[in-house]
Amino acid sequence: MRVDPAIAGLRSQLAPQPCTNAALAAWRASSDSAAVAEALARWDSGAALADLPALVQLVGNCTAAQAFAAGVIRPLLESLQAEPLAQLPLGHSCAPGMTRLRLASHGRTGLSLLAVARREQTA
């Protein structure tokens, strides 16, 4: 039986996926991601949401939330095109019509990206 080298590479404990790892590391190091991570830590410590502008922007400004999501989705999709067998080390779950990707967390706080499929309107 022939096993593709890309699949055989997944047998190792740390499968090589340098593009995906680099894309995720670059996003986590970005100023937007770092600000959200800091805000999550402060919120977990008891700070009021109103005192955390990075989170206020994400929950109160659709344009800012879309830009934040695009900032992680675009580079990760590009890296997955180069490494289609890579696995993102992010929590995720799927259910019919809904997918969740955990972008950041600190203690009991977390930020997830949720995609919900459109439903057909019933009359």
C-alpha atoms as a PDB file:
ATOM      1  CA  MET A   1       0.000   0.000   0.000  1.00  0.00           C
ATOM      2  CA  ARG A   2       1.287   3.457  -0.902  1.00  0.00           C
ATOM      3  CA  VAL A   3       0.938   6.110   1.797  1.00  0.00           C
ATOM      4  CA  ASP A   4       1.266   9.691   0.625  1.00  0.00           C
ATOM      5  CA  PRO A   5       4.265  11.380   2.307  1.00  0.00           C
ATOM      6  CA  ALA A   6       2.050  14.246   3.511  1.00  0.00           C
ATOM      7  CA  ILE A   7      -0.187  11.797   5.349  1.00  0.00           C
ATOM      8  CA  ALA A   8       2.761   9.774   6.634  1.00  0.00           C
ATOM      9  CA  GLY A   9       4.129  13.003   8.125  1.00  0.00           C
ATOM     10  CA  LEU A  10       1.032  13.269  10.274  1.00  0.00           C
ATOM     11  CA  ARG A  11       2.040  10.104  12.125  1.00  0.00           C
ATOM     12  CA  SER A  12       4.731  12.036  13.950  1.00  0.00           C
ATOM     13  CA  GLN A  13       3.712  13.753  17.149  1.00  0.00           C
ATOM     14  CA  LEU A  14       4.457  17.210  15.771  1.00  0.00           C
ATOM     15  CA  ALA A  15       3.477  17.159  12.126  1.00  0.00           C
ATOM     16  CA  PRO A  16       5.275  19.878  10.167  1.00  0.00           C
ATOM     17  CA  GLN A  17       3.013  22.795   9.355  1.00  0.00           C
ATOM     18  CA  PRO A  18       5.293  25.828   9.334  1.00  0.00           C
ATOM     19  CA  CYS A  19       3.007  28.107   7.285  1.00  0.00           C
ATOM     20  CA  THR A  20       0.016  27.518   9.531  1.00  0.00           C
ATOM     21  CA  ASN A  21       2.042  27.853  12.723  1.00  0.00           C
ATOM     22  CA  ALA A  22       3.638  31.072  11.437  1.00  0.00           C
ATOM     23  CA  ALA A  23       0.269  32.540  10.397  1.00  0.00           C
ATOM     24  CA  LEU A  24      -1.235  31.839  13.810  1.00  0.00           C
ATOM     25  CA  ALA A  25       1.829  33.188  15.632  1.00  0.00           C
ATOM     26  CA  ALA A  26       1.808  36.365  13.525  1.00  0.00           C
ATOM     27  CA  TRP A  27      -1.878  36.919  14.237  1.00  0.00           C
ATOM     28  CA  ARG A  28      -1.408  36.353  17.974  1.00  0.00           C
ATOM     29  CA  ALA A  29       1.470  38.865  17.952  1.00  0.00           C
ATOM     30  CA  SER A  30      -0.552  41.508  16.095  1.00  0.00           C
ATOM     31  CA  SER A  31      -1.565  44.608  18.019  1.00  0.00           C
ATOM     32  CA  ASP A  32      -5.287  43.823  17.642  1.00  0.00           C
ATOM     33  CA  SER A  33      -4.934  40.282  18.940  1.00  0.00           C
ATOM     34  CA  ALA A  34      -2.631  41.359  21.774  1.00  0.00           C
ATOM     35  CA  ALA A  35      -5.094  44.077  22.843  1.00  0.00           C
ATOM     36  CA  VAL A  36      -7.943  41.563  22.937  1.00  0.00           C
ATOM     37  CA  ALA A  37      -5.833  39.053  24.897  1.00  0.00           C
ATOM     38  CA  GLU A  38      -4.956  41.753  27.434  1.00  0.00           C
ATOM     39  CA  ALA A  39      -8.598  42.823  27.692  1.00  0.00           C
ATOM     40  CA  LEU A  40      -9.712  39.228  28.284  1.00  0.00           C
ATOM     41  CA  ALA A  41      -7.174  38.924  31.101  1.00  0.00           C
ATOM     42  CA  ARG A  42      -8.409  42.160  32.667  1.00  0.00           C
ATOM     43  CA  TRP A  43     -12.052  41.121  32.298  1.00  0.00           C
ATOM     44  CA  ASP A  44     -11.265  37.775  33.944  1.00  0.00           C
ATOM     45  CA  SER A  45      -9.732  39.756  36.831  1.00  0.00           C
ATOM     46  CA  GLY A  46     -12.968  41.680  37.317  1.00  0.00           C
ATOM     47  CA  ALA A  47     -12.598  44.782  35.149  1.00  0.00           C
ATOM     48  CA  ALA A  48     -15.827  46.221  33.788  1.00  0.00           C
ATOM     49  CA  LEU A  49     -16.494  45.645  30.106  1.00  0.00           C
ATOM     50  CA  ALA A  50     -16.934  49.393  29.637  1.00  0.00           C
ATOM     51  CA  ASP A  51     -13.297  49.842  30.715  1.00  0.00           C
ATOM     52  CA  LEU A  52     -12.006  47.475  28.006  1.00  0.00           C
ATOM     53  CA  PRO A  53     -12.133  49.297  24.654  1.00  0.00           C
ATOM     54  CA  ALA A  54     -10.746  46.366  22.681  1.00  0.00           C
ATOM     55  CA  LEU A  55     -13.692  44.195  23.748  1.00  0.00           C
ATOM     56  CA  VAL A  56     -16.246  47.006  23.552  1.00  0.00           C
ATOM     57  CA  GLN A  57     -15.265  47.467  19.892  1.00  0.00           C
ATOM     58  CA  LEU A  58     -15.741  43.760  19.133  1.00  0.00           C
ATOM     59  CA  VAL A  59     -19.149  43.437  20.768  1.00  0.00           C
ATOM     60  CA  GLY A  60     -20.494  46.850  19.815  1.00  0.00           C
ATOM     61  CA  ASN A  61     -19.122  47.597  16.358  1.00  0.00           C
ATOM     62  CA  CYS A  62     -19.931  45.170  13.554  1.00  0.00           C
ATOM     63  CA  THR A  63     -17.315  46.664  11.232  1.00  0.00           C
ATOM     64  CA  ALA A  64     -14.587  46.309  13.871  1.00  0.00           C
ATOM     65  CA  ALA A  65     -15.665  42.728  14.622  1.00  0.00           C
ATOM     66  CA  GLN A  66     -15.602  41.819  10.927  1.00  0.00           C
ATOM     67  CA  ALA A  67     -12.147  43.357  10.496  1.00  0.00           C
ATOM     68  CA  PHE A  68     -10.864  41.467  13.554  1.00  0.00           C
ATOM     69  CA  ALA A  69     -12.271  38.179  12.239  1.00  0.00           C
ATOM     70  CA  ALA A  70     -10.844  38.799   8.765  1.00  0.00           C
ATOM     71  CA  GLY A  71      -7.445  39.479  10.335  1.00  0.00           C
ATOM     72  CA  VAL A  72      -7.276  35.908  11.558  1.00  0.00           C
ATOM     73  CA  ILE A  73      -9.298  34.110   8.887  1.00  0.00           C
ATOM     74  CA  ARG A  74      -7.457  35.370   5.795  1.00  0.00           C
ATOM     75  CA  PRO A  75      -3.914  34.374   6.816  1.00  0.00           C
ATOM     76  CA  LEU A  76      -5.076  31.044   8.224  1.00  0.00           C
ATOM     77  CA  LEU A  77      -6.984  30.174   5.046  1.00  0.00           C
ATOM     78  CA  GLU A  78      -3.933  31.070   2.970  1.00  0.00           C
ATOM     79  CA  SER A  79      -1.736  28.871   5.146  1.00  0.00           C
ATOM     80  CA  LEU A  80      -4.212  25.988   4.913  1.00  0.00           C
ATOM     81  CA  GLN A  81      -4.115  26.237   1.127  1.00  0.00           C
ATOM     82  CA  ALA A  82      -0.356  25.674   1.335  1.00  0.00           C
ATOM     83  CA  GLU A  83      -0.732  22.984   4.037  1.00  0.00           C
ATOM     84  CA  PRO A  84      -4.152  21.367   3.535  1.00  0.00           C
ATOM     85  CA  LEU A  85      -3.509  18.713   6.187  1.00  0.00           C
ATOM     86  CA  ALA A  86      -2.525  21.194   8.900  1.00  0.00           C
ATOM     87  CA  GLN A  87      -4.541  21.398  12.086  1.00  0.00           C
ATOM     88  CA  LEU A  88      -5.270  24.657  13.833  1.00  0.00           C
ATOM     89  CA  PRO A  89      -4.543  24.458  17.557  1.00  0.00           C
ATOM     90  CA  LEU A  90      -7.752  26.329  18.335  1.00  0.00           C
ATOM     91  CA  GLY A  91     -10.813  24.954  20.059  1.00  0.00           C
ATOM     92  CA  HIS A  92     -13.678  24.350  17.688  1.00  0.00           C
ATOM     93  CA  SER A  93     -17.030  22.677  17.427  1.00  0.00           C
ATOM     94  CA  CYS A  94     -19.639  22.138  14.755  1.00  0.00           C
ATOM     95  CA  ALA A  95     -23.348  21.444  14.788  1.00  0.00           C
ATOM     96  CA  PRO A  96     -25.832  21.527  11.926  1.00  0.00           C
ATOM     97  CA  GLY A  97     -25.940  25.134  10.773  1.00  0.00           C
ATOM     98  CA  MET A  98     -23.358  26.431  13.246  1.00  0.00           C
ATOM     99  CA  THR A  99     -19.576  26.394  13.679  1.00  0.00           C
ATOM    100  CA  ARG A 100     -17.521  27.841  16.552  1.00  0.00           C
ATOM    101  CA  LEU A 101     -13.812  28.656  16.624  1.00  0.00           C
ATOM    102  CA  ARG A 102     -12.217  29.699  19.930  1.00  0.00           C
ATOM    103  CA  LEU A 103      -9.863  32.559  19.077  1.00  0.00           C
ATOM    104  CA  ALA A 104      -8.611  33.526  22.521  1.00  0.00           C
ATOM    105  CA  SER A 105      -9.165  32.766  26.164  1.00  0.00           C
ATOM    106  CA  HIS A 106      -7.892  33.675  29.591  1.00  0.00           C
ATOM    107  CA  GLY A 107      -9.122  31.982  32.732  1.00  0.00           C
ATOM    108  CA  ARG A 108     -12.899  31.870  32.592  1.00  0.00           C
ATOM    109  CA  THR A 109     -13.174  34.354  29.719  1.00  0.00           C
ATOM    110  CA  GLY A 110     -12.983  33.638  26.042  1.00  0.00           C
ATOM    111  CA  LEU A 111     -13.630  34.993  22.591  1.00  0.00           C
ATOM    112  CA  SER A 112     -15.130  32.748  19.941  1.00  0.00           C
ATOM    113  CA  LEU A 113     -16.000  33.302  16.318  1.00  0.00           C
ATOM    114  CA  LEU A 114     -19.406  31.860  15.556  1.00  0.00           C
ATOM    115  CA  ALA A 115     -20.686  31.202  12.034  1.00  0.00           C
ATOM    116  CA  VAL A 116     -24.378  30.489  11.672  1.00  0.00           C
ATOM    117  CA  ALA A 117     -25.920  29.298   8.406  1.00  0.00           C
ATOM    118  CA  ARG A 118     -28.818  31.257   7.034  1.00  0.00           C
ATOM    119  CA  ARG A 119     -32.208  29.673   7.451  1.00  0.00           C
ATOM    120  CA  GLU A 120     -34.862  29.736   4.818  1.00  0.00           C
ATOM    121  CA  GLN A 121     -37.780  31.932   5.754  1.00  0.00           C
ATOM    122  CA  THR A 122     -41.004  30.109   6.438  1.00  0.00           C
ATOM    123  CA  ALA A 123     -44.246  31.791   5.566  1.00  0.00           C
END
